[in-house]
C-alpha atoms as a PDB file:
ATOM      1  CA  MET A   1      17.390 -26.712  22.116  1.00  0.00           C
ATOM      2  CA  SER A   2      20.413 -28.096  24.239  1.00  0.00           C
ATOM      3  CA  GLN A   3      21.631 -31.956  24.304  1.00  0.00           C
ATOM      4  CA  LEU A   4      21.035 -32.027  28.187  1.00  0.00           C
ATOM      5  CA  LEU A   5      17.469 -30.461  27.839  1.00  0.00           C
ATOM      6  CA  LEU A   6      16.737 -33.124  25.419  1.00  0.00           C
ATOM      7  CA  GLU A   7      18.228 -35.753  27.699  1.00  0.00           C
ATOM      8  CA  VAL A   8      16.118 -34.572  30.324  1.00  0.00           C
ATOM      9  CA  GLN A   9      12.952 -34.458  28.446  1.00  0.00           C
ATOM     10  CA  HIS A  10      13.475 -37.894  27.622  1.00  0.00           C
ATOM     11  CA  ASP A  11      13.979 -39.009  31.566  1.00  0.00           C
ATOM     12  CA  VAL A  12      10.899 -37.034  32.401  1.00  0.00           C
ATOM     13  CA  ALA A  13       8.686 -38.455  29.396  1.00  0.00           C
ATOM     14  CA  ARG A  14       9.692 -42.348  30.979  1.00  0.00           C
ATOM     15  CA  HIS A  15       8.981 -41.154  34.245  1.00  0.00           C
ATOM     16  CA  MET A  16       5.616 -39.449  33.660  1.00  0.00           C
ATOM     17  CA  ASP A  17       4.475 -42.729  31.656  1.00  0.00           C
ATOM     18  CA  GLU A  18       5.480 -44.599  34.972  1.00  0.00           C
ATOM     19  CA  ILE A  19       3.746 -42.675  36.990  1.00  0.00           C
ATOM     20  CA  LEU A  20       0.445 -42.516  34.779  1.00  0.00           C
ATOM     21  CA  SER A  21       0.545 -46.258  34.798  1.00  0.00           C
ATOM     22  CA  HIS A  22      -0.914 -46.244  38.263  1.00  0.00           C
ATOM     23  CA  PHE A  23      -3.774 -44.375  37.131  1.00  0.00           C
ATOM     24  CA  LYS A  24      -6.763 -44.851  35.152  1.00  0.00           C
ATOM     25  CA  PRO A  25      -6.783 -44.775  31.680  1.00  0.00           C
ATOM     26  CA  GLY A  26      -6.973 -41.373  30.112  1.00  0.00           C
ATOM     27  CA  ALA A  27      -5.278 -39.542  32.848  1.00  0.00           C
ATOM     28  CA  LEU A  28      -2.847 -36.695  32.113  1.00  0.00           C
ATOM     29  CA  ILE A  29       0.149 -35.477  33.824  1.00  0.00           C
ATOM     30  CA  THR A  30       2.221 -32.306  34.394  1.00  0.00           C
ATOM     31  CA  VAL A  31       5.247 -32.038  35.697  1.00  0.00           C
ATOM     32  CA  LEU A  32       6.349 -28.573  37.179  1.00  0.00           C
ATOM     33  CA  VAL A  33      10.176 -27.603  38.341  1.00  0.00           C
ATOM     34  CA  ARG A  34      11.166 -24.046  39.579  1.00  0.00           C
ATOM     35  CA  THR A  35      14.091 -22.832  41.013  1.00  0.00           C
ATOM     36  CA  PRO A  36      13.003 -19.673  43.216  1.00  0.00           C
ATOM     37  CA  GLY A  37      14.679 -16.615  41.799  1.00  0.00           C
ATOM     38  CA  ASN A  38      15.497 -18.020  38.521  1.00  0.00           C
ATOM     39  CA  ASP A  39      12.928 -18.003  36.305  1.00  0.00           C
ATOM     40  CA  ARG A  40      14.684 -18.838  33.705  1.00  0.00           C
ATOM     41  CA  ALA A  41      15.358 -22.626  34.928  1.00  0.00           C
ATOM     42  CA  ASP A  42      11.456 -23.363  34.739  1.00  0.00           C
ATOM     43  CA  PHE A  43      10.457 -26.647  33.367  1.00  0.00           C
ATOM     44  CA  CYS A  44       7.316 -27.706  32.302  1.00  0.00           C
ATOM     45  CA  MET A  45       6.060 -30.775  30.625  1.00  0.00           C
ATOM     46  CA  THR A  46       2.674 -32.050  30.096  1.00  0.00           C
ATOM     47  CA  SER A  47       0.225 -34.420  28.341  1.00  0.00           C
ATOM     48  CA  ASP A  48      -2.060 -31.806  28.890  1.00  0.00           C
ATOM     49  CA  THR A  49      -2.815 -28.303  27.614  1.00  0.00           C
ATOM     50  CA  ILE A  50      -1.195 -25.520  29.506  1.00  0.00           C
ATOM     51  CA  ASP A  51      -4.503 -24.052  30.098  1.00  0.00           C
ATOM     52  CA  ASP A  52      -5.862 -27.079  31.720  1.00  0.00           C
ATOM     53  CA  ALA A  53      -2.724 -27.610  33.818  1.00  0.00           C
ATOM     54  CA  ILE A  54      -3.198 -24.084  34.779  1.00  0.00           C
ATOM     55  CA  ALA A  55      -6.852 -24.691  35.804  1.00  0.00           C
ATOM     56  CA  LEU A  56      -6.129 -27.610  37.585  1.00  0.00           C
ATOM     57  CA  LEU A  57      -3.732 -25.643  40.084  1.00  0.00           C
ATOM     58  CA  ALA A  58      -5.979 -22.970  40.729  1.00  0.00           C
ATOM     59  CA  ARG A  59      -8.470 -25.842  41.508  1.00  0.00           C
ATOM     60  CA  ARG A  60      -6.143 -27.376  43.767  1.00  0.00           C
ATOM     61  CA  LYS A  61      -5.104 -23.828  45.104  1.00  0.00           C
ATOM     62  CA  VAL A  62      -9.075 -23.103  45.947  1.00  0.00           C
ATOM     63  CA  ALA A  63      -9.327 -26.509  47.904  1.00  0.00           C
ATOM     64  CA  ALA A  64      -6.133 -25.883  49.961  1.00  0.00           C
ATOM     65  CA  ALA A  65      -7.537 -22.198  50.840  1.00  0.00           C
ATOM     66  CA  ASN A  66     -11.081 -24.127  51.983  1.00  0.00           C
ATOM     67  CA  GLU A  67      -9.047 -26.737  53.818  1.00  0.00           C
ATOM     68  CA  GLU A  68      -7.135 -24.155  55.968  1.00  0.00           C
ATOM     69  CA  ASN A  69     -10.253 -22.430  56.325  1.00  0.00           C
ATOM     70  CA  ASN A  70     -12.011 -25.574  57.495  1.00  0.00           C
ATOM     71  CA  ASP A  71      -9.217 -26.351  59.675  1.00  0.00           C
ATOM     72  CA  ALA A  72      -8.952 -22.634  61.622  1.00  0.00           C
ATOM     73  CA  GLY A  73     -12.508 -22.965  62.460  1.00  0.00           C
ATOM     74  CA  GLN A  74     -12.121 -26.416  64.313  1.00  0.00           C
END
């Protein structure tokens, strides 16, 4: 792992801890960063499991679709 990536991970971890301080104890956090068109630049750092983070994204996707459908029906 490159020195730059290690520094990024350290910095992101610090910010993750800061963000988590605003939530109830036991909350988990996942940071996703992507550059469209460059899959090699994806960055994922989580205090959760990848499977649980994926499940969260799937729930949010369904919720967003439901909200769009509700808005369209009004």
